Amino acid sequence: MINLNASFHARLPWCLLLAASLLLLPACGKRRAEETDMSVLQHPKYKELRGENKELLQSLESLEGEIAKTKLRTLEKEAQIRELEDRLESQQKMLDEAIQEVVRAKAKLRSLESKAEAASEMAEAEIAVKALKVQLAARGEDPEVAKAEQLLKMSVEEFEKGNYGGVLYLTSQAKGQIKSGQMRLGDEKKLKSIEGEVLFAQPLPLQVLKNSNLREMPDLKSNILTTLDKGTLLIGYSYKDQWVRVAREDGITGWIFQTLVGGR
């Protein structure tokens, strides 16, 4: 007869050893995995690749900023071209039709006009246009100035012909152009410029591309003036680094990140 107790006691150490081995297997696997991870993190190639990845991310952020700035500059040039084309078409039509017609009509009444008055108006307009040119010296050729100078040149020709009524009409038109330029310049001067700020050649029609914060200064830490909804219409006046100074239709002005605005 087999002694079961003796058999059980004989096998017991082996069973305990097997159970202990099974319990140790996961711990050993985990330890090997941790040792493998540490060896990868400490590998020189890993550090090199991590550094290259960081540089690539920084380059990408810089490139995105430059792309956004280039888009703004393109919008600026396109706005200038559209503005000049519209003005040229309107002014050419005025020159070809209205002005010549009025000048001819005034020529019939030249005896009733004063030569001294015409000369005085011409001198006054010339002084005003020179003053406006000085104020806009850093802005390049201005359409209002160019038009005023053209009208004054025509007034000189009419003065030499003795058409003083035509002179008064032309100088009046020139003063209108000068006043328009002065008003636009006055609106821009209301905005207190900061160091490094660059004015656009002319105000840009913009819109908000997605919900954005309008800040008091060109800084993420600056106070938030208001939140602008996507599609809000703005006018852009200048830029500094990656920020654009804008004004909403209700007159509130502030700074918005350049990637958050685009052309209308």
C-alpha atoms as a PDB file:
ATOM      1  CA  MET A   1       0.000   0.000   0.000  1.00  0.00           C
ATOM      2  CA  ILE A   2       1.385   3.394  -1.072  1.00  0.00           C
ATOM      3  CA  ASN A   3       2.024   5.905   1.669  1.00  0.00           C
ATOM      4  CA  LEU A   4       0.266   9.058   0.348  1.00  0.00           C
ATOM      5  CA  ASN A   5       1.594  11.309   3.063  1.00  0.00           C
ATOM      6  CA  ALA A   6       5.173  10.393   2.265  1.00  0.00           C
ATOM      7  CA  SER A   7       4.617  11.035  -1.436  1.00  0.00           C
ATOM      8  CA  PHE A   8       3.024  14.397  -0.790  1.00  0.00           C
ATOM      9  CA  HIS A   9       5.819  15.505   1.515  1.00  0.00           C
ATOM     10  CA  ALA A  10       8.401  14.439  -1.038  1.00  0.00           C
ATOM     11  CA  ARG A  11       6.854  16.576  -3.793  1.00  0.00           C
ATOM     12  CA  LEU A  12       6.071  19.614  -1.666  1.00  0.00           C
ATOM     13  CA  PRO A  13       9.506  21.396  -2.041  1.00  0.00           C
ATOM     14  CA  TRP A  14       9.277  21.133  -5.834  1.00  0.00           C
ATOM     15  CA  CYS A  15       5.818  22.560  -5.906  1.00  0.00           C
ATOM     16  CA  LEU A  16       6.845  25.504  -3.761  1.00  0.00           C
ATOM     17  CA  LEU A  17       9.853  26.148  -5.995  1.00  0.00           C
ATOM     18  CA  LEU A  18       7.684  26.146  -9.117  1.00  0.00           C
ATOM     19  CA  ALA A  19       5.170  28.546  -7.567  1.00  0.00           C
ATOM     20  CA  ALA A  20       7.947  30.940  -6.520  1.00  0.00           C
ATOM     21  CA  SER A  21       9.371  30.873 -10.050  1.00  0.00           C
ATOM     22  CA  LEU A  22       6.004  31.742 -11.558  1.00  0.00           C
ATOM     23  CA  LEU A  23       5.638  34.686  -9.197  1.00  0.00           C
ATOM     24  CA  LEU A  24       9.099  36.011 -10.047  1.00  0.00           C
ATOM     25  CA  LEU A  25       8.661  35.875 -13.838  1.00  0.00           C
ATOM     26  CA  PRO A  26       6.555  39.118 -14.190  1.00  0.00           C
ATOM     27  CA  ALA A  27       8.864  41.036 -11.894  1.00  0.00           C
ATOM     28  CA  CYS A  28      11.892  39.935 -13.893  1.00  0.00           C
ATOM     29  CA  GLY A  29      10.190  40.893 -17.173  1.00  0.00           C
ATOM     30  CA  LYS A  30       9.278  44.315 -15.826  1.00  0.00           C
ATOM     31  CA  ARG A  31      12.822  44.872 -14.599  1.00  0.00           C
ATOM     32  CA  ARG A  32      14.280  43.922 -17.965  1.00  0.00           C
ATOM     33  CA  ALA A  33      11.861  46.333 -19.711  1.00  0.00           C
ATOM     34  CA  GLU A  34      12.878  49.162 -17.388  1.00  0.00           C
ATOM     35  CA  GLU A  35      16.548  48.397 -17.962  1.00  0.00           C
ATOM     36  CA  THR A  36      15.910  48.420 -21.728  1.00  0.00           C
ATOM     37  CA  ASP A  37      14.075  51.801 -21.532  1.00  0.00           C
ATOM     38  CA  MET A  38      16.877  53.321 -19.487  1.00  0.00           C
ATOM     39  CA  SER A  39      19.472  52.084 -21.931  1.00  0.00           C
ATOM     40  CA  VAL A  40      17.540  53.684 -24.827  1.00  0.00           C
ATOM     41  CA  LEU A  41      17.162  57.023 -23.014  1.00  0.00           C
ATOM     42  CA  GLN A  42      20.853  57.089 -22.160  1.00  0.00           C
ATOM     43  CA  HIS A  43      21.945  56.179 -25.670  1.00  0.00           C
ATOM     44  CA  PRO A  44      23.903  59.064 -27.336  1.00  0.00           C
ATOM     45  CA  LYS A  45      21.904  58.720 -30.559  1.00  0.00           C
ATOM     46  CA  TYR A  46      18.634  59.202 -28.641  1.00  0.00           C
ATOM     47  CA  LYS A  47      19.864  62.489 -27.171  1.00  0.00           C
ATOM     48  CA  GLU A  48      21.070  63.618 -30.588  1.00  0.00           C
ATOM     49  CA  LEU A  49      17.715  62.828 -32.218  1.00  0.00           C
ATOM     50  CA  ARG A  50      15.848  64.568 -29.410  1.00  0.00           C
ATOM     51  CA  GLY A  51      17.948  67.705 -29.890  1.00  0.00           C
ATOM     52  CA  GLU A  52      17.367  67.659 -33.644  1.00  0.00           C
ATOM     53  CA  ASN A  53      13.618  67.259 -33.084  1.00  0.00           C
ATOM     54  CA  LYS A  54      13.572  70.294 -30.775  1.00  0.00           C
ATOM     55  CA  GLU A  55      15.434  72.389 -33.360  1.00  0.00           C
ATOM     56  CA  LEU A  56      13.009  71.309 -36.082  1.00  0.00           C
ATOM     57  CA  LEU A  57      10.019  72.331 -33.935  1.00  0.00           C
ATOM     58  CA  GLN A  58      11.557  75.737 -33.260  1.00  0.00           C
ATOM     59  CA  SER A  59      12.293  76.197 -36.972  1.00  0.00           C
ATOM     60  CA  LEU A  60       8.710  75.233 -37.790  1.00  0.00           C
ATOM     61  CA  GLU A  61       7.300  77.814 -35.357  1.00  0.00           C
ATOM     62  CA  SER A  62       9.582  80.486 -36.791  1.00  0.00           C
ATOM     63  CA  LEU A  63       8.582  79.539 -40.336  1.00  0.00           C
ATOM     64  CA  GLU A  64       4.873  79.730 -39.472  1.00  0.00           C
ATOM     65  CA  GLY A  65       5.425  83.221 -38.088  1.00  0.00           C
ATOM     66  CA  GLU A  66       7.238  84.335 -41.240  1.00  0.00           C
ATOM     67  CA  ILE A  67       4.488  82.877 -43.438  1.00  0.00           C
ATOM     68  CA  ALA A  68       1.831  84.772 -41.499  1.00  0.00           C
ATOM     69  CA  LYS A  69       3.848  87.988 -41.761  1.00  0.00           C
ATOM     70  CA  THR A  70       4.316  87.463 -45.509  1.00  0.00           C
ATOM     71  CA  LYS A  71       0.562  87.016 -45.898  1.00  0.00           C
ATOM     72  CA  LEU A  72      -0.031  90.341 -44.152  1.00  0.00           C
ATOM     73  CA  ARG A  73       2.477  92.082 -46.385  1.00  0.00           C
ATOM     74  CA  THR A  74       0.822  90.554 -49.438  1.00  0.00           C
ATOM     75  CA  LEU A  75      -2.550  91.806 -48.231  1.00  0.00           C
ATOM     76  CA  GLU A  76      -1.006  95.231 -47.738  1.00  0.00           C
ATOM     77  CA  LYS A  77       0.301  95.334 -51.315  1.00  0.00           C
ATOM     78  CA  GLU A  78      -2.956  94.007 -52.744  1.00  0.00           C
ATOM     79  CA  ALA A  79      -4.921  96.639 -50.848  1.00  0.00           C
ATOM     80  CA  GLN A  80      -2.603  99.348 -52.178  1.00  0.00           C
ATOM     81  CA  ILE A  81      -2.991  98.103 -55.741  1.00  0.00           C
ATOM     82  CA  ARG A  82      -6.791  97.960 -55.497  1.00  0.00           C
ATOM     83  CA  GLU A  83      -6.899 101.409 -53.927  1.00  0.00           C
ATOM     84  CA  LEU A  84      -4.650 102.906 -56.593  1.00  0.00           C
ATOM     85  CA  GLU A  85      -6.580 101.245 -59.423  1.00  0.00           C
ATOM     86  CA  ASP A  86      -9.895 102.537 -58.073  1.00  0.00           C
ATOM     87  CA  ARG A  87      -8.512 106.026 -57.563  1.00  0.00           C
ATOM     88  CA  LEU A  88      -6.869 106.052 -61.004  1.00  0.00           C
ATOM     89  CA  GLU A  89     -10.099 105.049 -62.731  1.00  0.00           C
ATOM     90  CA  SER A  90     -12.141 107.600 -60.804  1.00  0.00           C
ATOM     91  CA  GLN A  91      -9.602 110.384 -61.217  1.00  0.00           C
ATOM     92  CA  GLN A  92      -9.103 109.713 -64.915  1.00  0.00           C
ATOM     93  CA  LYS A  93     -12.812 109.904 -65.482  1.00  0.00           C
ATOM     94  CA  MET A  94     -12.990 113.132 -63.523  1.00  0.00           C
ATOM     95  CA  LEU A  95     -10.116 114.604 -65.496  1.00  0.00           C
ATOM     96  CA  ASP A  96     -11.515 113.547 -68.858  1.00  0.00           C
ATOM     97  CA  GLU A  97     -15.046 114.737 -68.240  1.00  0.00           C
ATOM     98  CA  ALA A  98     -15.977 116.795 -65.206  1.00  0.00           C
ATOM     99  CA  ILE A  99     -12.905 118.973 -64.749  1.00  0.00           C
ATOM    100  CA  GLN A 100     -12.533 120.021 -68.362  1.00  0.00           C
ATOM    101  CA  GLU A 101     -16.216 120.763 -68.605  1.00  0.00           C
ATOM    102  CA  VAL A 102     -16.186 122.921 -65.476  1.00  0.00           C
ATOM    103  CA  VAL A 103     -12.983 124.670 -66.548  1.00  0.00           C
ATOM    104  CA  ARG A 104     -14.520 125.562 -69.909  1.00  0.00           C
ATOM    105  CA  ALA A 105     -17.588 126.902 -68.175  1.00  0.00           C
ATOM    106  CA  LYS A 106     -15.470 128.961 -65.796  1.00  0.00           C
ATOM    107  CA  ALA A 107     -13.486 130.358 -68.702  1.00  0.00           C
ATOM    108  CA  LYS A 108     -16.604 132.162 -69.893  1.00  0.00           C
ATOM    109  CA  LEU A 109     -16.865 133.954 -66.558  1.00  0.00           C
ATOM    110  CA  ARG A 110     -13.172 134.705 -66.029  1.00  0.00           C
ATOM    111  CA  SER A 111     -13.728 138.449 -66.215  1.00  0.00           C
ATOM    112  CA  LEU A 112     -15.812 138.215 -63.057  1.00  0.00           C
ATOM    113  CA  GLU A 113     -13.118 136.485 -61.037  1.00  0.00           C
ATOM    114  CA  SER A 114     -10.282 138.121 -59.248  1.00  0.00           C
ATOM    115  CA  LYS A 115      -6.722 137.421 -60.353  1.00  0.00           C
ATOM    116  CA  ALA A 116      -5.449 138.220 -56.852  1.00  0.00           C
ATOM    117  CA  GLU A 117      -7.923 135.782 -55.300  1.00  0.00           C
ATOM    118  CA  ALA A 118      -6.884 133.032 -57.683  1.00  0.00           C
ATOM    119  CA  ALA A 119      -3.188 133.606 -56.940  1.00  0.00           C
ATOM    120  CA  SER A 120      -3.849 133.589 -53.208  1.00  0.00           C
ATOM    121  CA  GLU A 121      -5.796 130.319 -53.383  1.00  0.00           C
ATOM    122  CA  MET A 122      -3.033 128.713 -55.426  1.00  0.00           C
ATOM    123  CA  ALA A 123      -0.357 129.773 -52.938  1.00  0.00           C
ATOM    124  CA  GLU A 124      -2.413 128.545 -49.995  1.00  0.00           C
ATOM    125  CA  ALA A 125      -2.997 125.157 -51.632  1.00  0.00           C
ATOM    126  CA  GLU A 126       0.683 124.794 -52.530  1.00  0.00           C
ATOM    127  CA  ILE A 127       1.728 125.451 -48.908  1.00  0.00           C
ATOM    128  CA  ALA A 128      -0.823 122.921 -47.643  1.00  0.00           C
ATOM    129  CA  VAL A 129       0.293 120.188 -50.021  1.00  0.00           C
ATOM    130  CA  LYS A 130       3.949 120.758 -49.127  1.00  0.00           C
ATOM    131  CA  ALA A 131       3.113 120.469 -45.427  1.00  0.00           C
ATOM    132  CA  LEU A 132       1.226 117.219 -46.026  1.00  0.00           C
ATOM    133  CA  LYS A 133       4.179 115.827 -47.988  1.00  0.00           C
ATOM    134  CA  VAL A 134       6.473 116.551 -45.039  1.00  0.00           C
ATOM    135  CA  GLN A 135       4.111 114.738 -42.674  1.00  0.00           C
ATOM    136  CA  LEU A 136       3.952 111.746 -45.011  1.00  0.00           C
ATOM    137  CA  ALA A 137       7.644 111.751 -45.935  1.00  0.00           C
ATOM    138  CA  ALA A 138       8.281 108.237 -44.579  1.00  0.00           C
ATOM    139  CA  ARG A 139       5.199 106.784 -46.252  1.00  0.00           C
ATOM    140  CA  GLY A 140       6.278 107.048 -49.881  1.00  0.00           C
ATOM    141  CA  GLU A 141       3.997 108.456 -52.614  1.00  0.00           C
ATOM    142  CA  ASP A 142       0.541 109.225 -51.286  1.00  0.00           C
ATOM    143  CA  PRO A 143      -2.494 109.197 -53.639  1.00  0.00           C
ATOM    144  CA  GLU A 144      -4.058 112.342 -52.116  1.00  0.00           C
ATOM    145  CA  VAL A 145      -0.793 114.260 -52.466  1.00  0.00           C
ATOM    146  CA  ALA A 146      -0.292 113.071 -56.042  1.00  0.00           C
ATOM    147  CA  LYS A 147      -3.805 114.127 -57.025  1.00  0.00           C
ATOM    148  CA  ALA A 148      -3.498 117.524 -55.313  1.00  0.00           C
ATOM    149  CA  GLU A 149      -0.216 118.211 -57.120  1.00  0.00           C
ATOM    150  CA  GLN A 150      -1.799 117.272 -60.445  1.00  0.00           C
ATOM    151  CA  LEU A 151      -4.704 119.661 -59.843  1.00  0.00           C
ATOM    152  CA  LEU A 152      -2.338 122.477 -58.833  1.00  0.00           C
ATOM    153  CA  LYS A 153      -0.316 121.952 -62.020  1.00  0.00           C
ATOM    154  CA  MET A 154      -3.510 122.340 -64.029  1.00  0.00           C
ATOM    155  CA  SER A 155      -4.412 125.470 -62.062  1.00  0.00           C
ATOM    156  CA  VAL A 156      -1.060 127.057 -63.000  1.00  0.00           C
ATOM    157  CA  GLU A 157      -1.790 126.420 -66.674  1.00  0.00           C
ATOM    158  CA  GLU A 158      -5.243 127.990 -66.361  1.00  0.00           C
ATOM    159  CA  PHE A 159      -3.792 130.950 -64.470  1.00  0.00           C
ATOM    160  CA  GLU A 160      -1.410 131.638 -67.347  1.00  0.00           C
ATOM    161  CA  LYS A 161      -4.403 131.587 -69.684  1.00  0.00           C
ATOM    162  CA  GLY A 162      -6.191 134.111 -67.497  1.00  0.00           C
ATOM    163  CA  ASN A 163      -8.919 131.640 -66.557  1.00  0.00           C
ATOM    164  CA  TYR A 164      -9.108 132.652 -62.891  1.00  0.00           C
ATOM    165  CA  GLY A 165     -12.463 130.962 -62.359  1.00  0.00           C
ATOM    166  CA  GLY A 166     -10.931 127.694 -63.503  1.00  0.00           C
ATOM    167  CA  VAL A 167      -8.011 128.271 -61.125  1.00  0.00           C
ATOM    168  CA  LEU A 168     -10.352 128.694 -58.172  1.00  0.00           C
ATOM    169  CA  TYR A 169     -12.222 125.523 -59.065  1.00  0.00           C
ATOM    170  CA  LEU A 170      -9.034 123.468 -59.479  1.00  0.00           C
ATOM    171  CA  THR A 171      -7.475 124.742 -56.249  1.00  0.00           C
ATOM    172  CA  SER A 172     -10.723 123.966 -54.433  1.00  0.00           C
ATOM    173  CA  GLN A 173     -10.507 120.371 -55.684  1.00  0.00           C
ATOM    174  CA  ALA A 174      -6.846 120.196 -54.647  1.00  0.00           C
ATOM    175  CA  LYS A 175      -7.714 121.378 -51.131  1.00  0.00           C
ATOM    176  CA  GLY A 176     -10.313 118.628 -50.934  1.00  0.00           C
ATOM    177  CA  GLN A 177      -7.629 116.033 -51.654  1.00  0.00           C
ATOM    178  CA  ILE A 178      -5.308 117.620 -49.086  1.00  0.00           C
ATOM    179  CA  LYS A 179      -8.035 117.625 -46.445  1.00  0.00           C
ATOM    180  CA  SER A 180      -8.727 113.952 -47.087  1.00  0.00           C
ATOM    181  CA  GLY A 181      -5.049 113.129 -46.547  1.00  0.00           C
ATOM    182  CA  GLN A 182      -4.899 115.229 -43.382  1.00  0.00           C
ATOM    183  CA  MET A 183      -7.969 113.507 -41.920  1.00  0.00           C
ATOM    184  CA  ARG A 184      -6.528 110.064 -42.592  1.00  0.00           C
ATOM    185  CA  LEU A 185      -3.229 111.081 -41.070  1.00  0.00           C
ATOM    186  CA  GLY A 186      -5.038 112.473 -38.022  1.00  0.00           C
ATOM    187  CA  ASP A 187      -6.833 109.177 -37.452  1.00  0.00           C
ATOM    188  CA  GLU A 188      -3.527 107.305 -37.494  1.00  0.00           C
ATOM    189  CA  LYS A 189      -1.891 109.766 -35.081  1.00  0.00           C
ATOM    190  CA  LYS A 190      -4.577 109.041 -32.485  1.00  0.00           C
ATOM    191  CA  LEU A 191      -2.930 105.656 -32.053  1.00  0.00           C
ATOM    192  CA  LYS A 192       0.039 106.060 -29.745  1.00  0.00           C
ATOM    193  CA  SER A 193       2.900 104.224 -31.434  1.00  0.00           C
ATOM    194  CA  ILE A 194       5.278 101.952 -29.534  1.00  0.00           C
ATOM    195  CA  GLU A 195       8.918 101.087 -30.120  1.00  0.00           C
ATOM    196  CA  GLY A 196       9.396  98.727 -33.063  1.00  0.00           C
ATOM    197  CA  GLU A 197       5.926  99.354 -34.493  1.00  0.00           C
ATOM    198  CA  VAL A 198       5.761  99.604 -38.312  1.00  0.00           C
ATOM    199  CA  LEU A 199       2.835 101.352 -40.028  1.00  0.00           C
ATOM    200  CA  PHE A 200       1.241  99.777 -43.084  1.00  0.00           C
ATOM    201  CA  ALA A 201       1.402 101.913 -46.226  1.00  0.00           C
ATOM    202  CA  GLN A 202      -2.359 102.248 -45.838  1.00  0.00           C
ATOM    203  CA  PRO A 203      -4.998 100.743 -43.528  1.00  0.00           C
ATOM    204  CA  LEU A 204      -5.786  97.096 -44.320  1.00  0.00           C
ATOM    205  CA  PRO A 205      -9.305  95.617 -44.365  1.00  0.00           C
ATOM    206  CA  LEU A 206      -9.028  92.420 -42.258  1.00  0.00           C
ATOM    207  CA  GLN A 207     -11.248  89.856 -40.596  1.00  0.00           C
ATOM    208  CA  VAL A 208     -10.830  87.474 -37.654  1.00  0.00           C
ATOM    209  CA  LEU A 209     -10.159  83.878 -38.745  1.00  0.00           C
ATOM    210  CA  LYS A 210     -11.198  82.279 -35.453  1.00  0.00           C
ATOM    211  CA  ASN A 211     -12.309  83.416 -32.009  1.00  0.00           C
ATOM    212  CA  SER A 212      -9.444  85.487 -30.615  1.00  0.00           C
ATOM    213  CA  ASN A 213      -8.452  87.826 -27.816  1.00  0.00           C
ATOM    214  CA  LEU A 214      -7.814  91.504 -28.481  1.00  0.00           C
ATOM    215  CA  ARG A 215      -5.014  92.616 -26.161  1.00  0.00           C
ATOM    216  CA  GLU A 216      -3.941  96.012 -24.906  1.00  0.00           C
ATOM    217  CA  MET A 217      -0.295  95.493 -25.927  1.00  0.00           C
ATOM    218  CA  PRO A 218       1.508  93.057 -28.281  1.00  0.00           C
ATOM    219  CA  ASP A 219       2.196  90.548 -25.540  1.00  0.00           C
ATOM    220  CA  LEU A 220       0.476  87.341 -24.414  1.00  0.00           C
ATOM    221  CA  LYS A 221       0.718  88.603 -20.827  1.00  0.00           C
ATOM    222  CA  SER A 222      -1.027  91.885 -21.683  1.00  0.00           C
ATOM    223  CA  ASN A 223      -4.583  92.654 -20.567  1.00  0.00           C
ATOM    224  CA  ILE A 224      -7.380  91.250 -22.719  1.00  0.00           C
ATOM    225  CA  LEU A 225      -9.618  94.091 -23.915  1.00  0.00           C
ATOM    226  CA  THR A 226     -12.290  91.897 -25.473  1.00  0.00           C
ATOM    227  CA  THR A 227     -12.873  88.637 -27.318  1.00  0.00           C
ATOM    228  CA  LEU A 228     -13.383  88.832 -31.081  1.00  0.00           C
ATOM    229  CA  ASP A 229     -15.651  86.329 -32.792  1.00  0.00           C
ATOM    230  CA  LYS A 230     -14.695  84.609 -36.030  1.00  0.00           C
ATOM    231  CA  GLY A 231     -15.585  86.849 -38.986  1.00  0.00           C
ATOM    232  CA  THR A 232     -15.342  90.121 -37.043  1.00  0.00           C
ATOM    233  CA  LEU A 233     -14.325  92.916 -39.429  1.00  0.00           C
ATOM    234  CA  LEU A 234     -11.218  94.891 -38.501  1.00  0.00           C
ATOM    235  CA  ILE A 235      -8.927  97.578 -39.883  1.00  0.00           C
ATOM    236  CA  GLY A 236      -5.185  96.913 -39.571  1.00  0.00           C
ATOM    237  CA  TYR A 237      -2.912  99.922 -39.021  1.00  0.00           C
ATOM    238  CA  SER A 238       0.521  98.531 -38.159  1.00  0.00           C
ATOM    239  CA  TYR A 239       2.468  95.544 -36.929  1.00  0.00           C
ATOM    240  CA  LYS A 240       5.210  94.676 -34.469  1.00  0.00           C
ATOM    241  CA  ASP A 241       6.981  91.330 -34.679  1.00  0.00           C
ATOM    242  CA  GLN A 242       4.100  88.808 -34.917  1.00  0.00           C
ATOM    243  CA  TRP A 243       1.353  91.170 -33.674  1.00  0.00           C
ATOM    244  CA  VAL A 244      -0.995  93.445 -35.634  1.00  0.00           C
ATOM    245  CA  ARG A 245      -2.600  96.631 -34.317  1.00  0.00           C
ATOM    246  CA  VAL A 246      -6.248  96.642 -35.362  1.00  0.00           C
ATOM    247  CA  ALA A 247      -9.451  98.580 -34.783  1.00  0.00           C
ATOM    248  CA  ARG A 248     -12.969  97.211 -34.634  1.00  0.00           C
ATOM    249  CA  GLU A 249     -15.867  99.033 -36.300  1.00  0.00           C
ATOM    250  CA  ASP A 250     -17.021 100.391 -32.946  1.00  0.00           C
ATOM    251  CA  GLY A 251     -13.630 102.119 -32.488  1.00  0.00           C
ATOM    252  CA  ILE A 252     -11.989  99.785 -29.955  1.00  0.00           C
ATOM    253  CA  THR A 253      -8.318  99.245 -30.822  1.00  0.00           C
ATOM    254  CA  GLY A 254      -5.758  96.733 -29.668  1.00  0.00           C
ATOM    255  CA  TRP A 255      -3.336  94.010 -30.737  1.00  0.00           C
ATOM    256  CA  ILE A 256      -4.037  90.569 -32.187  1.00  0.00           C
ATOM    257  CA  PHE A 257      -1.670  87.758 -33.151  1.00  0.00           C
ATOM    258  CA  GLN A 258      -0.983  87.886 -36.910  1.00  0.00           C
ATOM    259  CA  THR A 259      -1.967  84.268 -37.615  1.00  0.00           C
ATOM    260  CA  LEU A 260      -5.489  84.983 -36.336  1.00  0.00           C
ATOM    261  CA  VAL A 261      -6.375  87.566 -39.017  1.00  0.00           C
ATOM    262  CA  GLY A 262      -6.612  87.494 -42.787  1.00  0.00           C
ATOM    263  CA  GLY A 263      -7.893  89.523 -45.713  1.00  0.00           C
ATOM    264  CA  ARG A 264     -11.600  90.075 -46.209  1.00  0.00           C
END
